[in-house]
Amino acid sequence: MARGGINKALVLKAKQALQARGARPTIDAVRTELGNTGSKSTIHRYLQELARSSEAPPPSLSEELGSLIAHVADRLVLEAEAKVSTAREAVARQHNENLAQRRYSEERIQELQAGNARLTEQLNDCQQNLEQLRDRYQASEFERARLEQSLHGLQELLEERANQLQSLEDKHQLARQALDHYREARKEQREQELQRHDAQVQQLQAELRQLRQSLLSKQDELSTLNRDNERLLVEARNTVKHQSAIESELAMQRSALQTLRQELTARSTEKAALEERLKQHNAERLRLKHQVQQQARQLEVLQARLVTLAGLTPPSEAAPPPSPAG
């Protein structure tokens, strides 16, 4: 860290260090030796004063020690204030970042909650459609069972009619055989029976045609119901797939919402930690300030002792020590 300022004692020390290394104590060399601190005009003025007073007696130990302690105290204060300022800027920057992240998280949570509501509404609609499809499927199954039962009854009736027809044809054959024996004697009776038999056969054939047409119609209806049933099954499967996709997306949205909530909790924890660090930095600053004050009091005591030991005049009559130059 750059020094707060330079004084004549520091310039003299830098000049002596350069001369000890065999280097020429120019303004730039002295400024480099001081850590690139101080203006060139101030260094030039101190060098001229040192050149004029090269044969003069060196400054007293109390003056040099007082100047050095004052300079060290100034540097301690500057370093403490710089540390506190840096910590405050870091905490403020982190606090602003936490606030921005928190606002972003809250907006994201609101968006996810709105999307969750929309998905829930879509899921309810799909469940209602599925219930309707199930009801229609159950109704179609019931109608199909009824038609199958009716078809079974018609088939039994058709078989019964076919058996009756076969029986009548057998009887007709027997009657024809019997009529061969009784052709002459019972010709008129045979003709009447034949007419009656033909009428019954025609009637049974007409009924058989009607039953076959009715059976074909029932089969067409059954085919139509089967196609409707297949279509309803396909719609039900598609609805179930759509519902599964919606539930998966809803689960992902809930997982993302939980992640954002965890991040918000972590940010809050970091904010609390930074606030605690700020409190520690403030406490450290107060401690350093108190330490500087103690060192200043110790400096006053040392100056008083030095004055007493040197047999100088009391501090009230002595000339004040030179103040450190910028």
Protein backbone atom coordinates (compact mmCIF):
# COMPACT_ATOMS: atom_id res chain seq x y z
CA MET A 1 0.00 0.00 0.00
CA ALA A 2 1.26 3.52 -0.82
CA ARG A 3 2.45 5.63 2.10
CA GLY A 4 0.33 8.50 3.39
CA GLY A 5 3.20 11.05 3.05
CA ILE A 6 6.94 11.66 3.35
CA ASN A 7 9.10 13.79 5.60
CA LYS A 8 12.64 14.97 5.78
CA ALA A 9 13.77 12.01 7.89
CA LEU A 10 12.46 9.50 5.32
CA VAL A 11 14.15 11.38 2.47
CA LEU A 12 17.43 11.39 4.45
CA LYS A 13 17.12 7.66 5.09
CA ALA A 14 16.48 6.96 1.39
CA LYS A 15 19.44 9.18 0.41
CA GLN A 16 21.75 7.38 2.81
CA ALA A 17 20.57 3.98 1.50
CA LEU A 18 21.35 5.03 -2.08
CA GLN A 19 24.74 6.40 -1.12
CA ALA A 20 25.50 3.18 0.76
CA ARG A 21 24.85 1.21 -2.44
CA GLY A 22 27.02 3.61 -4.43
CA ALA A 23 24.05 5.10 -6.32
CA ARG A 24 23.48 8.78 -6.96
CA PRO A 25 20.61 10.19 -4.82
CA THR A 26 18.63 11.87 -7.60
CA ILE A 27 14.98 12.90 -7.22
CA ASP A 28 13.69 9.88 -9.20
CA ALA A 29 16.02 7.46 -7.37
CA VAL A 30 14.92 8.79 -3.96
CA ARG A 31 11.23 8.59 -4.98
CA THR A 32 11.73 4.98 -6.15
CA GLU A 33 13.48 4.15 -2.86
CA LEU A 34 10.48 5.61 -0.99
CA GLY A 35 8.10 3.32 -2.87
CA ASN A 36 7.04 5.86 -5.52
CA THR A 37 5.55 8.02 -2.78
CA GLY A 38 5.62 11.81 -2.51
CA SER A 39 5.79 14.57 -5.09
CA LYS A 40 9.03 15.36 -6.87
CA SER A 41 8.90 19.01 -5.73
CA THR A 42 8.71 17.96 -2.07
CA ILE A 43 11.59 15.48 -2.51
CA HIS A 44 13.63 18.20 -4.29
CA ARG A 45 13.00 20.66 -1.44
CA TYR A 46 14.07 18.10 1.19
CA LEU A 47 17.20 17.20 -0.79
CA GLN A 48 18.15 20.89 -0.99
CA GLU A 49 17.62 21.30 2.75
CA LEU A 50 19.72 18.20 3.42
CA ALA A 51 22.43 19.53 1.09
CA ARG A 52 22.48 22.88 2.92
CA SER A 53 22.57 21.20 6.30
CA SER A 54 25.03 18.43 5.36
CA GLU A 55 27.59 19.85 7.85
CA ALA A 56 24.96 20.78 10.45
CA PRO A 57 24.48 18.48 13.46
CA PRO A 58 21.99 15.66 12.81
CA PRO A 59 18.44 16.01 14.15
CA SER A 60 17.87 14.99 17.73
CA LEU A 61 16.74 11.51 18.54
CA SER A 62 13.46 12.80 19.97
CA GLU A 63 12.64 14.69 16.76
CA GLU A 64 13.45 11.73 14.51
CA LEU A 65 11.59 9.30 16.77
CA GLY A 66 8.54 11.58 17.00
CA SER A 67 8.45 12.04 13.25
CA LEU A 68 8.75 8.29 12.67
CA ILE A 69 6.03 7.39 15.20
CA ALA A 70 3.66 10.02 13.77
CA HIS A 71 4.27 8.65 10.28
CA VAL A 72 3.62 5.08 11.46
CA ALA A 73 0.42 6.18 13.21
CA ASP A 74 -0.80 7.90 10.03
CA ARG A 75 -0.07 4.79 8.00
CA LEU A 76 -1.94 2.59 10.49
CA VAL A 77 -5.01 4.83 10.31
CA LEU A 78 -4.89 4.94 6.50
CA GLU A 79 -4.52 1.16 6.24
CA ALA A 80 -7.38 0.54 8.67
CA GLU A 81 -9.66 2.96 6.83
CA ALA A 82 -8.71 1.42 3.46
CA LYS A 83 -9.50 -2.09 4.75
CA VAL A 84 -12.84 -0.98 6.16
CA SER A 85 -13.71 0.87 2.92
CA THR A 86 -12.82 -2.19 0.82
CA ALA A 87 -14.89 -4.45 3.08
CA ARG A 88 -17.86 -2.07 2.91
CA GLU A 89 -17.70 -1.93 -0.89
CA ALA A 90 -17.53 -5.74 -1.10
CA VAL A 91 -20.47 -6.16 1.28
CA ALA A 92 -22.52 -3.53 -0.57
CA ARG A 93 -21.74 -5.13 -3.93
CA GLN A 94 -22.62 -8.59 -2.62
CA HIS A 95 -25.79 -7.20 -1.05
CA ASN A 96 -26.86 -5.67 -4.39
CA GLU A 97 -26.14 -8.94 -6.16
CA ASN A 98 -28.19 -10.83 -3.56
CA LEU A 99 -31.08 -8.40 -3.98
CA ALA A 100 -30.98 -8.78 -7.78
CA GLN A 101 -30.81 -12.56 -7.47
CA ARG A 102 -33.66 -12.52 -4.98
CA ARG A 103 -35.84 -10.41 -7.29
CA TYR A 104 -35.02 -12.74 -10.17
CA SER A 105 -35.85 -15.78 -8.01
CA GLU A 106 -39.16 -14.26 -6.89
CA GLU A 107 -40.12 -13.45 -10.50
CA ARG A 108 -39.11 -16.96 -11.57
CA ILE A 109 -41.17 -18.47 -8.73
CA GLN A 110 -44.20 -16.42 -9.80
CA GLU A 111 -43.77 -17.59 -13.41
CA LEU A 112 -43.45 -21.21 -12.31
CA GLN A 113 -46.50 -20.91 -10.06
CA ALA A 114 -48.52 -19.46 -12.98
CA GLY A 115 -47.30 -22.27 -15.24
CA ASN A 116 -48.15 -24.78 -12.54
CA ALA A 117 -51.68 -23.38 -12.33
CA ARG A 118 -52.07 -23.61 -16.13
CA LEU A 119 -50.78 -27.19 -16.17
CA THR A 120 -53.08 -28.12 -13.30
CA GLU A 121 -56.04 -26.69 -15.21
CA GLN A 122 -55.03 -28.61 -18.35
CA LEU A 123 -54.64 -31.76 -16.27
CA ASN A 124 -58.15 -31.33 -14.84
CA ASP A 125 -59.54 -30.85 -18.37
CA CYS A 126 -57.77 -33.99 -19.55
CA GLN A 127 -59.08 -35.94 -16.59
CA GLN A 128 -62.61 -34.77 -17.39
CA ASN A 129 -62.19 -35.77 -21.04
CA LEU A 130 -60.84 -39.13 -19.93
CA GLU A 131 -63.83 -39.68 -17.67
CA GLN A 132 -66.17 -38.84 -20.55
CA LEU A 133 -64.31 -41.22 -22.84
CA ARG A 134 -64.51 -43.93 -20.20
CA ASP A 135 -68.25 -43.39 -19.84
CA ARG A 136 -68.70 -43.56 -23.63
CA TYR A 137 -66.52 -46.65 -23.78
CA GLN A 138 -68.55 -48.35 -21.05
CA ALA A 139 -71.77 -47.40 -22.85
CA SER A 140 -70.42 -48.77 -26.13
CA GLU A 141 -69.34 -51.98 -24.37
CA PHE A 142 -72.83 -52.34 -22.91
CA GLU A 143 -74.41 -51.74 -26.32
CA ARG A 144 -72.00 -54.20 -27.92
CA ALA A 145 -72.88 -56.87 -25.34
CA ARG A 146 -76.58 -56.23 -25.93
CA LEU A 147 -76.15 -56.53 -29.70
CA GLU A 148 -74.06 -59.68 -29.34
CA GLN A 149 -76.75 -61.16 -27.14
CA SER A 150 -79.40 -60.16 -29.70
CA LEU A 151 -77.27 -61.61 -32.50
CA HIS A 152 -76.85 -64.83 -30.58
CA GLY A 153 -80.62 -65.01 -30.15
CA LEU A 154 -81.13 -64.38 -33.86
CA GLN A 155 -78.61 -67.08 -34.74
CA GLU A 156 -80.42 -69.53 -32.46
CA LEU A 157 -83.72 -68.54 -34.06
CA LEU A 158 -82.18 -68.95 -37.52
CA GLU A 159 -80.91 -72.39 -36.60
CA GLU A 160 -84.34 -73.29 -35.24
CA ARG A 161 -85.98 -72.06 -38.47
CA ALA A 162 -83.44 -73.99 -40.52
CA ASN A 163 -84.20 -77.13 -38.53
CA GLN A 164 -87.90 -76.55 -39.04
CA LEU A 165 -87.29 -76.08 -42.78
CA GLN A 166 -85.22 -79.24 -42.95
CA SER A 167 -87.91 -81.07 -41.05
CA LEU A 168 -90.57 -79.76 -43.43
CA GLU A 169 -88.47 -80.74 -46.41
CA ASP A 170 -88.12 -84.22 -44.95
CA LYS A 171 -91.83 -84.34 -44.40
CA HIS A 172 -92.34 -83.09 -47.93
CA GLN A 173 -90.18 -85.87 -49.26
CA LEU A 174 -92.07 -88.42 -47.24
CA ALA A 175 -95.33 -86.95 -48.40
CA ARG A 176 -94.22 -87.18 -52.02
CA GLN A 177 -93.25 -90.78 -51.52
CA ALA A 178 -96.59 -91.48 -49.91
CA LEU A 179 -98.39 -89.65 -52.68
CA ASP A 180 -96.78 -91.95 -55.24
CA HIS A 181 -98.62 -94.86 -53.63
CA TYR A 182 -101.86 -93.01 -53.20
CA ARG A 183 -101.69 -90.85 -56.36
CA GLU A 184 -104.93 -91.95 -57.85
CA ALA A 185 -106.93 -92.25 -54.70
CA ARG A 186 -105.82 -89.22 -52.92
CA LYS A 187 -104.85 -86.89 -55.75
CA GLU A 188 -107.09 -84.05 -54.59
CA GLN A 189 -105.93 -84.43 -50.99
CA ARG A 190 -102.31 -84.50 -52.10
CA GLU A 191 -102.78 -81.32 -54.11
CA GLN A 192 -104.31 -79.58 -51.12
CA GLU A 193 -101.47 -80.72 -48.88
CA LEU A 194 -98.94 -79.65 -51.48
CA GLN A 195 -100.50 -76.23 -51.70
CA ARG A 196 -100.51 -75.97 -47.95
CA HIS A 197 -96.94 -77.19 -47.77
CA ASP A 198 -95.79 -74.81 -50.51
CA ALA A 199 -97.42 -71.92 -48.68
CA GLN A 200 -95.67 -72.89 -45.47
CA VAL A 201 -92.38 -73.26 -47.30
CA GLN A 202 -92.77 -69.86 -48.95
CA GLN A 203 -93.70 -68.35 -45.62
CA LEU A 204 -90.71 -69.94 -43.91
CA GLN A 205 -88.41 -68.85 -46.75
CA ALA A 206 -89.73 -65.31 -46.46
CA GLU A 207 -89.14 -65.39 -42.71
CA LEU A 208 -85.68 -66.83 -43.33
CA ARG A 209 -84.87 -63.98 -45.75
CA GLN A 210 -86.10 -61.42 -43.21
CA LEU A 211 -84.00 -63.05 -40.50
CA ARG A 212 -80.93 -63.00 -42.75
CA GLN A 213 -81.48 -59.32 -43.59
CA SER A 214 -81.95 -58.55 -39.91
CA LEU A 215 -78.78 -60.52 -39.14
CA LEU A 216 -76.83 -58.56 -41.78
CA SER A 217 -78.16 -55.29 -40.36
CA LYS A 218 -77.16 -56.32 -36.83
CA GLN A 219 -73.74 -57.33 -38.10
CA ASP A 220 -73.33 -53.91 -39.75
CA GLU A 221 -74.32 -52.23 -36.50
CA LEU A 222 -71.88 -54.45 -34.61
CA SER A 223 -69.07 -53.54 -37.07
CA THR A 224 -69.89 -49.85 -36.63
CA LEU A 225 -69.80 -50.23 -32.86
CA ASN A 226 -66.49 -52.08 -33.09
CA ARG A 227 -65.00 -49.25 -35.16
CA ASP A 228 -66.37 -46.68 -32.69
CA ASN A 229 -64.97 -48.73 -29.85
CA GLU A 230 -61.52 -48.88 -31.47
CA ARG A 231 -61.60 -45.11 -32.10
CA LEU A 232 -62.55 -44.47 -28.47
CA LEU A 233 -59.74 -46.75 -27.31
CA VAL A 234 -57.24 -44.80 -29.43
CA GLU A 235 -58.54 -41.50 -28.06
CA ALA A 236 -58.33 -42.87 -24.52
CA ARG A 237 -54.71 -43.98 -25.05
CA ASN A 238 -53.79 -40.59 -26.53
CA THR A 239 -55.44 -38.85 -23.60
CA VAL A 240 -53.54 -41.02 -21.12
CA LYS A 241 -50.25 -40.25 -22.93
CA HIS A 242 -51.03 -36.52 -22.91
CA GLN A 243 -51.87 -36.71 -19.24
CA SER A 244 -48.58 -38.51 -18.51
CA ALA A 245 -46.65 -35.83 -20.42
CA ILE A 246 -48.41 -33.07 -18.47
CA GLU A 247 -47.68 -34.82 -15.17
CA SER A 248 -43.98 -35.19 -16.14
CA GLU A 249 -43.75 -31.50 -17.04
CA LEU A 250 -45.50 -30.59 -13.80
CA ALA A 251 -42.98 -32.68 -11.84
CA MET A 252 -40.10 -30.89 -13.63
CA GLN A 253 -41.64 -27.48 -12.83
CA ARG A 254 -41.99 -28.48 -9.17
CA SER A 255 -38.36 -29.65 -9.08
CA ALA A 256 -37.20 -26.33 -10.62
CA LEU A 257 -39.29 -24.42 -8.06
CA GLN A 258 -37.69 -26.39 -5.22
CA THR A 259 -34.21 -25.68 -6.63
CA LEU A 260 -34.94 -21.92 -6.77
CA ARG A 261 -36.19 -21.99 -3.21
CA GLN A 262 -32.96 -23.72 -2.10
CA GLU A 263 -30.89 -21.11 -3.96
CA LEU A 264 -32.86 -18.33 -2.26
CA THR A 265 -32.16 -19.93 1.12
CA ALA A 266 -28.44 -20.18 0.29
CA ARG A 267 -28.38 -16.50 -0.79
CA SER A 268 -30.02 -15.51 2.49
CA THR A 269 -27.37 -17.50 4.40
CA GLU A 270 -24.57 -15.77 2.42
CA LYS A 271 -26.13 -12.39 3.14
CA ALA A 272 -26.18 -13.14 6.88
CA ALA A 273 -22.52 -14.25 6.70
CA LEU A 274 -21.53 -11.04 4.89
CA GLU A 275 -23.38 -8.91 7.44
CA GLU A 276 -21.50 -10.76 10.19
CA ARG A 277 -18.19 -10.06 8.38
CA LEU A 278 -19.13 -6.38 8.15
CA LYS A 279 -19.72 -6.32 11.89
CA GLN A 280 -16.32 -7.93 12.44
CA HIS A 281 -14.62 -5.34 10.17
CA ASN A 282 -16.31 -2.51 12.08
CA ALA A 283 -15.14 -4.02 15.35
CA GLU A 284 -11.60 -4.34 13.92
CA ARG A 285 -11.69 -0.70 12.81
CA LEU A 286 -12.72 0.43 16.29
CA ARG A 287 -9.97 -1.71 17.80
CA LEU A 288 -7.35 -0.20 15.44
CA LYS A 289 -8.58 3.31 16.20
CA HIS A 290 -8.33 2.60 19.92
CA GLN A 291 -4.82 1.18 19.37
CA VAL A 292 -3.79 4.33 17.47
CA GLN A 293 -5.08 6.49 20.29
CA GLN A 294 -3.10 4.42 22.79
CA GLN A 295 0.03 4.73 20.66
CA ALA A 296 -0.49 8.51 20.44
CA ARG A 297 -0.70 8.70 24.24
CA GLN A 298 2.41 6.52 24.51
CA LEU A 299 4.14 8.88 22.06
CA GLU A 300 3.32 11.85 24.26
CA VAL A 301 4.73 10.01 27.27
CA LEU A 302 7.90 9.11 25.35
CA GLN A 303 8.36 12.69 24.18
CA ALA A 304 7.98 13.92 27.72
CA ARG A 305 10.59 11.40 28.94
CA LEU A 306 12.97 12.35 26.12
CA VAL A 307 12.64 16.03 27.00
CA THR A 308 13.30 15.24 30.64
CA LEU A 309 16.29 13.02 29.88
CA ALA A 310 17.85 15.54 27.50
CA GLY A 311 17.55 18.31 30.07
CA LEU A 312 15.57 20.45 27.64
CA THR A 313 13.01 23.05 28.46
CA PRO A 314 9.44 21.92 29.36
CA PRO A 315 7.19 20.97 26.46
CA SER A 316 5.19 24.16 26.80
CA GLU A 317 8.26 26.30 25.92
CA ALA A 318 9.92 23.95 23.41
CA ALA A 319 9.43 24.40 19.69
CA PRO A 320 6.89 21.98 18.16
CA PRO A 321 8.32 19.12 16.06
CA PRO A 322 8.13 19.55 12.29
CA SER A 323 4.93 18.25 10.81
CA PRO A 324 5.20 15.51 8.13
CA ALA A 325 5.04 16.93 4.63
CA GLY A 326 2.81 15.55 1.90
